Amino acid sequence: MIDSEYKFGAFVPVIPKIYKDAANDNDNANDAGEEEKKTEESIPSSACYVKSKWASYRLISTKAYNHDTSIFEFELPNSEAYLNLPITDHLLIRAPACSEEEEFHVRPYTAVEENKPGKFKIMVKRYPEWGVPEEKQKKENKFFFFVKTDHSYKPPGKVSNHIHSLRIGQTLDFKYDPNICQGKIQYPFSESISALTMIAVGAGVAPMIRVIRAILEGNESQHVKKIRLLYGARTVADILQREQLDKWHDDSSDDRFKVCYCIGSRWNNIHFAAKTSSAEGPPLPKDYEKIPSDRKELGWANSDKVKMRGASNASDPGHRIFICGLPSVYISLAGSRFEPGVAKDSQLYRLGYRDHQVVKF
């Protein structure tokens, strides 16, 4: 849930100022147990356990999910307490910076499991370094154009790589500031909402899973009768929480929830008219054939798939679209996550969706 700007054909990451400002609040994080003693009399039991000041929580287990994503479990000092994170809200996580210019890096994450007392879990996708840094290109190449762009390079994920480096017993800084962490829509939802189309990419599926679980397994927002999740992943192996999503899909005999895995990249949405004697197109993604036909499409989640697989349409007053994923996904579908409303040149706007119908997580 960071932002980006488009330069020379590439999306360059931009860290929102609110996260930079939050990084240095009460620089030295307290032990979570000590922080609890200071606030236990003034904080109701229904409030989020993580408070608005940075506090360190101990890592108690890790479990690899796939080649680049793991689930990390952290301990609450009170073994009988629950995290109580509001359904559509998120936590902030702080990691030490490696440069002299910054002391900390901050990113938003949400819990994927918190139904057991004394602990909670987060799911973290590790983003490795990609491409060649501009300075290295200038040194190795005699001619190098666009020297101010860095358009072929993506630095490693600063917070995600730090989390993946943690060992059992080490701690990580968390905080929950409602002014920053509160979702753009609150749960339980208004009774006027009857259908949800969710568009998620990569680890952006985590907040969607929180909402789906709350509706399907809870007692609130039962007026939401139809949920459709369009989940984008580059490969089949990149799908996260597939077992749970497939179970909800298969158990939904009334068609209340259905998932569609959109596998591939934006290039799968382009058809080249090159001259060839072969009638065959590019090869399908590995293991694509193992996904049942009722829940898969090739290419990015775009306006065509929203029309074909969505829960309803723009003329339905009870229909809402939730989006969570990479900055480029927000920009193409509805405009920057940090800009209010639906951008007039976006795909969803052209489908007829307006500001009140789209929620950018």
Foldseek 3Di string as FASTA:
>chain_A
DFAFDDDPHATHTDGDPVQQVLQCAVNDAAALVVVCVVCVVPDDLLDFSFAATKHKWFWADKADDFDFKIKTKTFHPDQAGWRNDFLQWWKKWWDADPDPVGGIGIDTWHWLDTPHGGMTMTMAGWFAKFFDALVVCVVVDVDDPPSPPRRRIDHTDPVRVRVVPDDGGGIIIMHDDCVPTPFPAGPPHDLLAAFEEEEEEQSQCRSVSSVVCCQVVHDGNVSNQAYEYEYEYAAPSRDPPVVVLVVVQVVPPVNRYAAAYAYREQVQVDDDPDDDPDPDDDDDGPCPVVDDPVHYHYYHDALVCCVVGNRDAQVRSNYAYEYTYDNVVCPQAARGLPDQKGDCNHRNVVRPHIRVRYTYD
